[in-house]
Amino acid sequence: MTGHIGPLVQRSTPSIIADKLRAAIGYGELKPGEQLLEADLARQLGVSRGPLREGMQRLTQEGLLVAIRNRGLFVIDMTAEDIRDMYIAREAIERAAARAIVVSGDFVAAGDALLAVVDKMGRAASAAEMSELDIEFHELLVSLSGSKHLRRMHQTVITETRMCIHSLDDSYAKSDFREEEHRTLATAVRSGDPELTDRLMVAHMDDALARLLEAPAEEPVEAVVS
């Protein structure tokens, strides 16, 4: 396996291992429903089983892994209900982050930073690149709030979002509306208007969830836009 799961280049700790595994889940290197085999992961990461177990326990507490009795640890499957619940959390976190930005007085610089990401969206050469810029926009939004607690909470839900984004069909992921929606939201942040920003954030999340849930309800949902 290549990518985010590879030998650690510094002294391993449970938090570093958790970061590695979280990224591997988000980018689809560890797929929904896949079992984590302790011996294989310890060898791939170049760590002992003790810190590996601690790292996996952190992701279990975050809800990215699930322990099934007498079977082991598995990457979660994202059902429609899971996605609805995740969006409740994402909306709460990102609304709080946006409000923190617009009341801080630094909203012009923050808006410019967000618009720079949107400009890159307009130049995206592929669906995968567009999706990564979509994620980058929302990670930056939360980071610009200056809140460590919001960033920590956002880390898990954005990983779940990334899990689903990497299962999208190219035609869906490269939809024309994504650039314009994010530009409108970034412009609202830059204006410093908290009511407008909040209203657009809610609409953005609601619209994304509505499009997502057009997928067949019988199967785990494997598509999401941010």
C-alpha atoms as a PDB file:
ATOM      1  CA  MET A   1       0.000   0.000   0.000  1.00  0.00           C
ATOM      2  CA  THR A   2       1.312   3.439  -0.858  1.00  0.00           C
ATOM      3  CA  GLY A   3       0.262   6.954   0.060  1.00  0.00           C
ATOM      4  CA  HIS A   4      -0.463   8.020   3.592  1.00  0.00           C
ATOM      5  CA  ILE A   5       0.357   4.646   5.137  1.00  0.00           C
ATOM      6  CA  GLY A   6       4.138   4.290   5.074  1.00  0.00           C
ATOM      7  CA  PRO A   7       7.074   4.300   7.442  1.00  0.00           C
ATOM      8  CA  LEU A   8       7.051   7.227   9.831  1.00  0.00           C
ATOM      9  CA  VAL A   9       9.967   9.602   9.368  1.00  0.00           C
ATOM     10  CA  GLN A  10      10.049  10.635  12.981  1.00  0.00           C
ATOM     11  CA  ARG A  11       9.570   9.026  16.386  1.00  0.00           C
ATOM     12  CA  SER A  12       6.128   7.438  16.275  1.00  0.00           C
ATOM     13  CA  THR A  13       3.408   8.447  18.706  1.00  0.00           C
ATOM     14  CA  PRO A  14      -0.287   7.509  18.854  1.00  0.00           C
ATOM     15  CA  SER A  15      -1.252  10.962  17.562  1.00  0.00           C
ATOM     16  CA  ILE A  16       1.045  10.675  14.530  1.00  0.00           C
ATOM     17  CA  ILE A  17      -0.298   7.198  13.803  1.00  0.00           C
ATOM     18  CA  ALA A  18      -3.871   8.460  14.154  1.00  0.00           C
ATOM     19  CA  ASP A  19      -3.103  11.261  11.689  1.00  0.00           C
ATOM     20  CA  LYS A  20      -1.678   8.769   9.201  1.00  0.00           C
ATOM     21  CA  LEU A  21      -4.667   6.472   9.453  1.00  0.00           C
ATOM     22  CA  ARG A  22      -7.139   9.355   9.349  1.00  0.00           C
ATOM     23  CA  ALA A  23      -5.616  10.593   6.105  1.00  0.00           C
ATOM     24  CA  ALA A  24      -5.621   7.083   4.637  1.00  0.00           C
ATOM     25  CA  ILE A  25      -9.328   6.763   5.445  1.00  0.00           C
ATOM     26  CA  GLY A  26     -10.112  10.180   4.007  1.00  0.00           C
ATOM     27  CA  TYR A  27      -8.295   9.515   0.732  1.00  0.00           C
ATOM     28  CA  GLY A  28      -9.767   6.050   0.287  1.00  0.00           C
ATOM     29  CA  GLU A  29      -6.573   4.095   0.911  1.00  0.00           C
ATOM     30  CA  LEU A  30      -8.492   2.390   3.709  1.00  0.00           C
ATOM     31  CA  LYS A  31     -11.946   1.909   2.256  1.00  0.00           C
ATOM     32  CA  PRO A  32     -15.368   2.006   3.948  1.00  0.00           C
ATOM     33  CA  GLY A  33     -16.040  -1.345   5.590  1.00  0.00           C
ATOM     34  CA  GLU A  34     -12.400  -2.475   5.348  1.00  0.00           C
ATOM     35  CA  GLN A  35     -10.960  -4.329   8.311  1.00  0.00           C
ATOM     36  CA  LEU A  36      -7.767  -2.973   9.863  1.00  0.00           C
ATOM     37  CA  LEU A  37      -5.293  -5.796  10.289  1.00  0.00           C
ATOM     38  CA  GLU A  38      -3.023  -4.905  13.155  1.00  0.00           C
ATOM     39  CA  ALA A  39       0.014  -6.922  12.089  1.00  0.00           C
ATOM     40  CA  ASP A  40      -0.073  -5.575   8.527  1.00  0.00           C
ATOM     41  CA  LEU A  41      -0.498  -1.960   9.619  1.00  0.00           C
ATOM     42  CA  ALA A  42       2.270  -2.215  12.211  1.00  0.00           C
ATOM     43  CA  ARG A  43       4.607  -3.491   9.506  1.00  0.00           C
ATOM     44  CA  GLN A  44       3.571  -0.845   6.951  1.00  0.00           C
ATOM     45  CA  LEU A  45       3.908   1.991   9.437  1.00  0.00           C
ATOM     46  CA  GLY A  46       7.090   0.626  10.966  1.00  0.00           C
ATOM     47  CA  VAL A  47       5.728   0.799  14.526  1.00  0.00           C
ATOM     48  CA  SER A  48       5.019  -1.565  17.372  1.00  0.00           C
ATOM     49  CA  ARG A  49       1.503  -2.717  18.143  1.00  0.00           C
ATOM     50  CA  GLY A  50       1.181  -0.737  21.382  1.00  0.00           C
ATOM     51  CA  PRO A  51       1.154   2.782  19.895  1.00  0.00           C
ATOM     52  CA  LEU A  52      -0.727   1.486  16.853  1.00  0.00           C
ATOM     53  CA  ARG A  53      -3.556   0.278  19.113  1.00  0.00           C
ATOM     54  CA  GLU A  54      -3.623   3.650  20.853  1.00  0.00           C
ATOM     55  CA  GLY A  55      -3.799   5.453  17.525  1.00  0.00           C
ATOM     56  CA  MET A  56      -6.621   3.237  16.316  1.00  0.00           C
ATOM     57  CA  GLN A  57      -8.459   3.755  19.592  1.00  0.00           C
ATOM     58  CA  ARG A  58      -8.412   7.510  18.963  1.00  0.00           C
ATOM     59  CA  LEU A  59     -10.104   6.985  15.613  1.00  0.00           C
ATOM     60  CA  THR A  60     -12.632   4.657  17.229  1.00  0.00           C
ATOM     61  CA  GLN A  61     -13.478   7.424  19.691  1.00  0.00           C
ATOM     62  CA  GLU A  62     -13.835   9.854  16.768  1.00  0.00           C
ATOM     63  CA  GLY A  63     -16.220   7.455  15.052  1.00  0.00           C
ATOM     64  CA  LEU A  64     -14.045   6.769  12.002  1.00  0.00           C
ATOM     65  CA  LEU A  65     -13.453   3.170  13.069  1.00  0.00           C
ATOM     66  CA  VAL A  66     -15.923   0.743  14.587  1.00  0.00           C
ATOM     67  CA  ALA A  67     -15.092  -2.245  16.769  1.00  0.00           C
ATOM     68  CA  ILE A  68     -17.131  -5.375  16.032  1.00  0.00           C
ATOM     69  CA  ARG A  69     -16.996  -7.962  18.786  1.00  0.00           C
ATOM     70  CA  ASN A  70     -14.986 -11.072  17.940  1.00  0.00           C
ATOM     71  CA  ARG A  71     -14.168  -9.647  14.506  1.00  0.00           C
ATOM     72  CA  GLY A  72     -11.954  -6.585  14.916  1.00  0.00           C
ATOM     73  CA  LEU A  73     -11.778  -2.947  13.834  1.00  0.00           C
ATOM     74  CA  PHE A  74     -13.361  -1.703  10.618  1.00  0.00           C
ATOM     75  CA  VAL A  75     -13.552   1.597   8.732  1.00  0.00           C
ATOM     76  CA  ILE A  76     -17.077   2.952   9.010  1.00  0.00           C
ATOM     77  CA  ASP A  77     -19.581   2.778   6.164  1.00  0.00           C
ATOM     78  CA  MET A  78     -21.324   6.097   5.495  1.00  0.00           C
ATOM     79  CA  THR A  79     -25.069   5.502   5.249  1.00  0.00           C
ATOM     80  CA  ALA A  80     -27.560   8.206   4.350  1.00  0.00           C
ATOM     81  CA  GLU A  81     -28.367   8.691   8.027  1.00  0.00           C
ATOM     82  CA  ASP A  82     -24.657   8.970   8.857  1.00  0.00           C
ATOM     83  CA  ILE A  83     -24.293  11.692   6.232  1.00  0.00           C
ATOM     84  CA  ARG A  84     -27.280  13.623   7.588  1.00  0.00           C
ATOM     85  CA  ASP A  85     -25.822  13.445  11.078  1.00  0.00           C
ATOM     86  CA  MET A  86     -22.371  14.461   9.859  1.00  0.00           C
ATOM     87  CA  TYR A  87     -23.832  17.494   8.121  1.00  0.00           C
ATOM     88  CA  ILE A  88     -25.542  18.597  11.332  1.00  0.00           C
ATOM     89  CA  ALA A  89     -22.111  18.659  12.965  1.00  0.00           C
ATOM     90  CA  ARG A  90     -20.377  20.272   9.988  1.00  0.00           C
ATOM     91  CA  GLU A  91     -22.962  22.998   9.732  1.00  0.00           C
ATOM     92  CA  ALA A  92     -22.683  23.823  13.434  1.00  0.00           C
ATOM     93  CA  ILE A  93     -18.882  23.960  13.307  1.00  0.00           C
ATOM     94  CA  GLU A  94     -18.622  25.975  10.100  1.00  0.00           C
ATOM     95  CA  ARG A  95     -21.355  28.432  11.053  1.00  0.00           C
ATOM     96  CA  ALA A  96     -19.519  29.064  14.317  1.00  0.00           C
ATOM     97  CA  ALA A  97     -16.220  29.465  12.464  1.00  0.00           C
ATOM     98  CA  ALA A  98     -17.697  31.904   9.948  1.00  0.00           C
ATOM     99  CA  ARG A  99     -19.262  33.984  12.701  1.00  0.00           C
ATOM    100  CA  ALA A 100     -15.976  34.084  14.603  1.00  0.00           C
ATOM    101  CA  ILE A 101     -14.281  35.435  11.480  1.00  0.00           C
ATOM    102  CA  VAL A 102     -16.798  38.163  10.694  1.00  0.00           C
ATOM    103  CA  VAL A 103     -16.927  39.468  14.281  1.00  0.00           C
ATOM    104  CA  SER A 104     -13.146  39.420  14.652  1.00  0.00           C
ATOM    105  CA  GLY A 105     -12.469  42.404  12.402  1.00  0.00           C
ATOM    106  CA  ASP A 106     -10.182  40.361  10.140  1.00  0.00           C
ATOM    107  CA  PHE A 107     -12.962  39.395   7.738  1.00  0.00           C
ATOM    108  CA  VAL A 108     -11.516  41.211   4.698  1.00  0.00           C
ATOM    109  CA  ALA A 109      -8.222  39.310   4.841  1.00  0.00           C
ATOM    110  CA  ALA A 110     -10.075  36.077   5.573  1.00  0.00           C
ATOM    111  CA  GLY A 111     -12.411  36.637   2.644  1.00  0.00           C
ATOM    112  CA  ASP A 112      -9.475  37.327   0.344  1.00  0.00           C
ATOM    113  CA  ALA A 113      -7.804  34.079   1.458  1.00  0.00           C
ATOM    114  CA  LEU A 114     -10.985  32.128   0.769  1.00  0.00           C
ATOM    115  CA  LEU A 115     -11.439  33.819  -2.610  1.00  0.00           C
ATOM    116  CA  ALA A 116      -7.900  32.771  -3.542  1.00  0.00           C
ATOM    117  CA  VAL A 117      -8.962  29.150  -3.080  1.00  0.00           C
ATOM    118  CA  VAL A 118     -12.078  29.778  -5.179  1.00  0.00           C
ATOM    119  CA  ASP A 119      -9.902  31.224  -7.941  1.00  0.00           C
ATOM    120  CA  LYS A 120      -7.950  27.962  -7.962  1.00  0.00           C
ATOM    121  CA  MET A 121     -11.254  26.098  -8.273  1.00  0.00           C
ATOM    122  CA  GLY A 122     -11.855  27.934 -11.512  1.00  0.00           C
ATOM    123  CA  ARG A 123      -8.561  26.591 -12.841  1.00  0.00           C
ATOM    124  CA  ALA A 124      -9.056  23.013 -11.587  1.00  0.00           C
ATOM    125  CA  ALA A 125      -8.062  20.547 -14.283  1.00  0.00           C
ATOM    126  CA  SER A 126      -9.872  17.530 -12.867  1.00  0.00           C
ATOM    127  CA  ALA A 127     -12.709  16.445 -10.621  1.00  0.00           C
ATOM    128  CA  ALA A 128     -10.227  15.228  -8.026  1.00  0.00           C
ATOM    129  CA  GLU A 129      -8.476  18.608  -7.950  1.00  0.00           C
ATOM    130  CA  MET A 130     -11.801  20.419  -7.635  1.00  0.00           C
ATOM    131  CA  SER A 131     -12.796  18.189  -4.731  1.00  0.00           C
ATOM    132  CA  GLU A 132      -9.523  18.796  -2.907  1.00  0.00           C
ATOM    133  CA  LEU A 133      -9.933  22.563  -3.339  1.00  0.00           C
ATOM    134  CA  ASP A 134     -13.488  22.249  -2.039  1.00  0.00           C
ATOM    135  CA  ILE A 135     -12.124  20.585   1.105  1.00  0.00           C
ATOM    136  CA  GLU A 136      -9.303  23.137   1.325  1.00  0.00           C
ATOM    137  CA  PHE A 137     -11.843  25.980   1.323  1.00  0.00           C
ATOM    138  CA  HIS A 138     -13.724  24.572   4.304  1.00  0.00           C
ATOM    139  CA  GLU A 139     -10.590  23.618   6.224  1.00  0.00           C
ATOM    140  CA  LEU A 140      -9.271  27.149   5.696  1.00  0.00           C
ATOM    141  CA  LEU A 141     -12.573  28.661   6.813  1.00  0.00           C
ATOM    142  CA  VAL A 142     -12.393  26.826  10.128  1.00  0.00           C
ATOM    143  CA  SER A 143      -8.677  27.541  10.525  1.00  0.00           C
ATOM    144  CA  LEU A 144      -9.249  31.275   9.987  1.00  0.00           C
ATOM    145  CA  SER A 145     -11.638  31.287  12.943  1.00  0.00           C
ATOM    146  CA  GLY A 146      -8.604  30.912  15.215  1.00  0.00           C
ATOM    147  CA  SER A 147     -10.434  28.295  17.308  1.00  0.00           C
ATOM    148  CA  LYS A 148      -8.439  25.193  18.190  1.00  0.00           C
ATOM    149  CA  HIS A 149     -11.584  23.478  19.452  1.00  0.00           C
ATOM    150  CA  LEU A 150     -13.444  24.029  16.181  1.00  0.00           C
ATOM    151  CA  ARG A 151     -10.464  22.804  14.194  1.00  0.00           C
ATOM    152  CA  ARG A 152     -10.234  19.664  16.326  1.00  0.00           C
ATOM    153  CA  MET A 153     -13.940  18.876  15.910  1.00  0.00           C
ATOM    154  CA  HIS A 154     -13.834  19.679  12.201  1.00  0.00           C
ATOM    155  CA  GLN A 155     -11.006  17.223  11.619  1.00  0.00           C
ATOM    156  CA  THR A 156     -13.257  14.191  11.933  1.00  0.00           C
ATOM    157  CA  VAL A 157     -16.233  15.424   9.909  1.00  0.00           C
ATOM    158  CA  ILE A 158     -14.005  16.691   7.111  1.00  0.00           C
ATOM    159  CA  THR A 159     -12.369  13.251   6.954  1.00  0.00           C
ATOM    160  CA  GLU A 160     -15.827  11.711   6.590  1.00  0.00           C
ATOM    161  CA  THR A 161     -16.585  14.256   3.874  1.00  0.00           C
ATOM    162  CA  ARG A 162     -13.370  13.412   2.055  1.00  0.00           C
ATOM    163  CA  MET A 163     -14.191   9.694   2.263  1.00  0.00           C
ATOM    164  CA  CYS A 164     -17.364  10.311   0.324  1.00  0.00           C
ATOM    165  CA  ILE A 165     -15.974  12.863  -2.114  1.00  0.00           C
ATOM    166  CA  HIS A 166     -13.424  10.366  -3.362  1.00  0.00           C
ATOM    167  CA  SER A 167     -16.268   8.021  -4.316  1.00  0.00           C
ATOM    168  CA  LEU A 168     -18.023  10.583  -6.519  1.00  0.00           C
ATOM    169  CA  ASP A 169     -18.492  10.205 -10.246  1.00  0.00           C
ATOM    170  CA  ASP A 170     -16.383  12.707 -12.159  1.00  0.00           C
ATOM    171  CA  SER A 171     -19.423  14.391 -13.675  1.00  0.00           C
ATOM    172  CA  TYR A 172     -20.912  15.049 -10.246  1.00  0.00           C
ATOM    173  CA  ALA A 173     -17.680  16.176  -8.618  1.00  0.00           C
ATOM    174  CA  LYS A 174     -16.901  18.686 -11.372  1.00  0.00           C
ATOM    175  CA  SER A 175     -20.328  20.342 -11.235  1.00  0.00           C
ATOM    176  CA  ASP A 176     -20.344  23.955 -12.378  1.00  0.00           C
ATOM    177  CA  PHE A 177     -22.162  25.278  -9.318  1.00  0.00           C
ATOM    178  CA  ARG A 178     -19.352  24.529  -6.865  1.00  0.00           C
ATOM    179  CA  GLU A 179     -17.081  27.410  -7.789  1.00  0.00           C
ATOM    180  CA  GLU A 180     -19.896  29.976  -7.749  1.00  0.00           C
ATOM    181  CA  GLU A 181     -21.354  28.756  -4.439  1.00  0.00           C
ATOM    182  CA  HIS A 182     -17.999  29.052  -2.718  1.00  0.00           C
ATOM    183  CA  ARG A 183     -17.308  32.448  -4.278  1.00  0.00           C
ATOM    184  CA  THR A 184     -20.634  33.773  -2.994  1.00  0.00           C
ATOM    185  CA  LEU A 185     -19.885  32.467   0.495  1.00  0.00           C
ATOM    186  CA  ALA A 186     -16.348  33.862   0.527  1.00  0.00           C
ATOM    187  CA  THR A 187     -17.628  37.249  -0.637  1.00  0.00           C
ATOM    188  CA  ALA A 188     -20.156  37.269   2.199  1.00  0.00           C
ATOM    189  CA  VAL A 189     -17.383  36.558   4.711  1.00  0.00           C
ATOM    190  CA  ARG A 190     -15.342  39.389   3.212  1.00  0.00           C
ATOM    191  CA  SER A 191     -18.293  41.767   3.593  1.00  0.00           C
ATOM    192  CA  GLY A 192     -18.312  41.252   7.360  1.00  0.00           C
ATOM    193  CA  ASP A 193     -22.087  40.763   7.391  1.00  0.00           C
ATOM    194  CA  PRO A 194     -22.786  38.022   9.956  1.00  0.00           C
ATOM    195  CA  GLU A 195     -26.438  37.505   9.024  1.00  0.00           C
ATOM    196  CA  LEU A 196     -25.734  37.193   5.300  1.00  0.00           C
ATOM    197  CA  THR A 197     -22.789  34.902   5.916  1.00  0.00           C
ATOM    198  CA  ASP A 198     -24.799  32.659   8.209  1.00  0.00           C
ATOM    199  CA  ARG A 199     -27.744  32.502   5.824  1.00  0.00           C
ATOM    200  CA  LEU A 200     -25.508  31.552   2.907  1.00  0.00           C
ATOM    201  CA  MET A 201     -23.665  28.957   4.971  1.00  0.00           C
ATOM    202  CA  VAL A 202     -26.919  27.256   5.939  1.00  0.00           C
ATOM    203  CA  ALA A 203     -28.125  27.332   2.331  1.00  0.00           C
ATOM    204  CA  HIS A 204     -24.796  25.954   1.120  1.00  0.00           C
ATOM    205  CA  MET A 205     -24.934  23.011   3.522  1.00  0.00           C
ATOM    206  CA  ASP A 206     -28.631  22.319   2.937  1.00  0.00           C
ATOM    207  CA  ASP A 207     -28.209  22.375  -0.830  1.00  0.00           C
ATOM    208  CA  ALA A 208     -25.212  20.043  -0.695  1.00  0.00           C
ATOM    209  CA  LEU A 209     -27.076  17.553   1.495  1.00  0.00           C
ATOM    210  CA  ALA A 210     -30.177  17.670  -0.712  1.00  0.00           C
ATOM    211  CA  ARG A 211     -28.100  16.852  -3.809  1.00  0.00           C
ATOM    212  CA  LEU A 212     -26.310  14.081  -1.960  1.00  0.00           C
ATOM    213  CA  LEU A 213     -29.468  12.329  -0.818  1.00  0.00           C
ATOM    214  CA  GLU A 214     -30.653  11.911  -4.393  1.00  0.00           C
ATOM    215  CA  ALA A 215     -28.529   8.736  -4.256  1.00  0.00           C
ATOM    216  CA  PRO A 216     -30.451   5.447  -3.748  1.00  0.00           C
ATOM    217  CA  ALA A 217     -31.393   5.089  -0.086  1.00  0.00           C
ATOM    218  CA  GLU A 218     -30.936   1.278   0.012  1.00  0.00           C
ATOM    219  CA  GLU A 219     -27.172   1.459  -0.415  1.00  0.00           C
ATOM    220  CA  PRO A 220     -24.544   3.207   1.722  1.00  0.00           C
ATOM    221  CA  VAL A 221     -24.198   6.726   0.377  1.00  0.00           C
ATOM    222  CA  GLU A 222     -20.872   7.171  -1.374  1.00  0.00           C
ATOM    223  CA  ALA A 223     -21.200  10.725  -2.630  1.00  0.00           C
ATOM    224  CA  VAL A 224     -21.051  14.108  -0.979  1.00  0.00           C
ATOM    225  CA  VAL A 225     -20.172  17.667  -1.839  1.00  0.00           C
ATOM    226  CA  SER A 226     -19.035  20.239   0.657  1.00  0.00           C
END
